[in-house]
Amino acid sequence: MRWHLYRIEQRVREAFLRDAFSEYEDPELRRLARAIYSLPWLPKNVFGMLRYDRLTYEQIAEKLRISPRRVQTEVGRAMALIIRSRDRQKRKGW
């Protein structure tokens, strides 16, 4: 159920970001930025802490008060949502 809600939430956010990130000349980079920015709250925070803050799964779990297994699940969801969003944007010609 949560996966379905994440996908809906991301599509709604994506629609508002269609013309965002025009400062990026490369369309692939623009799609990636929109995909990351449109992620739902939990996958976005987990992804950011992992990729940008370079925290371990255990550190993220402690900060968010969730289990390390849940962190792993949310990282996987974030990656899947980013890939789907990028592909969808490309298909739509964004």
Protein backbone atom coordinates (compact mmCIF):
# COMPACT_ATOMS: atom_id res chain seq x y z
CA MET A 1 0.00 0.00 0.00
CA ARG A 2 2.76 2.45 0.89
CA TRP A 3 4.50 1.84 -2.46
CA HIS A 4 1.31 2.77 -4.31
CA LEU A 5 0.91 5.98 -2.30
CA TYR A 6 4.57 6.89 -2.89
CA ARG A 7 4.09 6.54 -6.65
CA ILE A 8 0.97 8.72 -6.64
CA GLU A 9 2.62 11.37 -4.46
CA GLN A 10 5.66 11.49 -6.71
CA ARG A 11 3.57 11.91 -9.87
CA VAL A 12 1.69 14.84 -8.32
CA ARG A 13 4.94 16.51 -7.25
CA GLU A 14 6.44 15.83 -10.66
CA ALA A 15 3.60 17.67 -12.39
CA PHE A 16 4.43 20.83 -10.44
CA LEU A 17 8.11 20.53 -11.32
CA ARG A 18 7.75 20.17 -15.08
CA ASP A 19 9.47 23.50 -15.82
CA ALA A 20 11.79 23.39 -12.80
CA PHE A 21 15.58 23.25 -12.93
CA SER A 22 15.87 25.14 -16.21
CA GLU A 23 19.34 26.24 -15.10
CA TYR A 24 20.59 22.76 -16.00
CA GLU A 25 21.38 22.62 -19.71
CA ASP A 26 21.67 18.83 -19.84
CA PRO A 27 18.15 17.32 -20.09
CA GLU A 28 19.24 14.11 -18.30
CA LEU A 29 20.53 16.11 -15.33
CA ARG A 30 17.31 18.14 -15.29
CA ARG A 31 15.24 14.91 -15.26
CA LEU A 32 17.35 13.49 -12.45
CA ALA A 33 16.99 16.66 -10.35
CA ARG A 34 13.21 16.66 -10.84
CA ALA A 35 13.04 12.95 -9.98
CA ILE A 36 15.00 13.39 -6.74
CA TYR A 37 13.15 16.54 -5.74
CA SER A 38 9.75 14.89 -6.33
CA LEU A 39 10.43 11.93 -4.02
CA PRO A 40 8.06 11.50 -1.05
CA TRP A 41 9.35 12.56 2.36
CA LEU A 42 10.83 9.35 3.77
CA PRO A 43 12.56 8.01 0.65
CA LYS A 44 13.87 11.51 -0.10
CA ASN A 45 15.36 11.97 3.38
CA VAL A 46 16.85 8.48 3.49
CA PHE A 47 18.34 8.91 0.01
CA GLY A 48 19.75 12.33 0.91
CA MET A 49 21.31 11.15 4.15
CA LEU A 50 22.87 8.18 2.39
CA ARG A 51 24.13 9.91 -0.77
CA TYR A 52 24.84 13.46 0.35
CA ASP A 53 25.50 13.22 4.09
CA ARG A 54 27.31 9.86 3.66
CA LEU A 55 25.66 8.32 6.72
CA THR A 56 25.47 4.57 7.25
CA TYR A 57 22.17 2.68 7.36
CA GLU A 58 22.53 2.41 11.14
CA GLN A 59 23.11 6.16 11.55
CA ILE A 60 20.11 6.99 9.37
CA ALA A 61 17.95 4.51 11.28
CA GLU A 62 18.97 6.09 14.57
CA LYS A 63 18.25 9.63 13.34
CA LEU A 64 14.85 8.74 11.89
CA ARG A 65 14.01 6.20 14.62
CA ILE A 66 13.36 3.40 12.16
CA SER A 67 15.07 0.05 11.71
CA PRO A 68 18.16 -0.39 9.48
CA ARG A 69 16.08 -2.84 7.42
CA ARG A 70 13.51 -0.10 6.81
CA VAL A 71 16.31 2.22 5.71
CA GLN A 72 17.41 -0.39 3.22
CA THR A 73 13.84 -0.75 1.94
CA GLU A 74 13.40 3.00 1.56
CA VAL A 75 16.71 3.33 -0.33
CA GLY A 76 15.48 0.69 -2.76
CA ARG A 77 12.15 2.48 -3.13
CA ALA A 78 13.89 5.81 -3.71
CA MET A 79 16.08 4.33 -6.43
CA ALA A 80 13.09 2.67 -8.12
CA LEU A 81 11.06 5.88 -7.95
CA ILE A 82 13.94 7.92 -9.40
CA ILE A 83 14.39 5.51 -12.30
CA ARG A 84 10.65 5.41 -13.05
CA SER A 85 10.37 9.19 -12.85
CA ARG A 86 13.33 9.74 -15.16
CA ASP A 87 11.94 7.28 -17.70
CA ARG A 88 8.45 8.79 -17.48
CA GLN A 89 9.81 12.30 -18.02
CA LYS A 90 11.79 11.14 -21.02
CA ARG A 91 8.72 9.46 -22.54
CA LYS A 92 6.69 12.65 -22.05
CA GLY A 93 9.40 14.74 -23.67
CA TRP A 94 10.30 16.81 -20.63
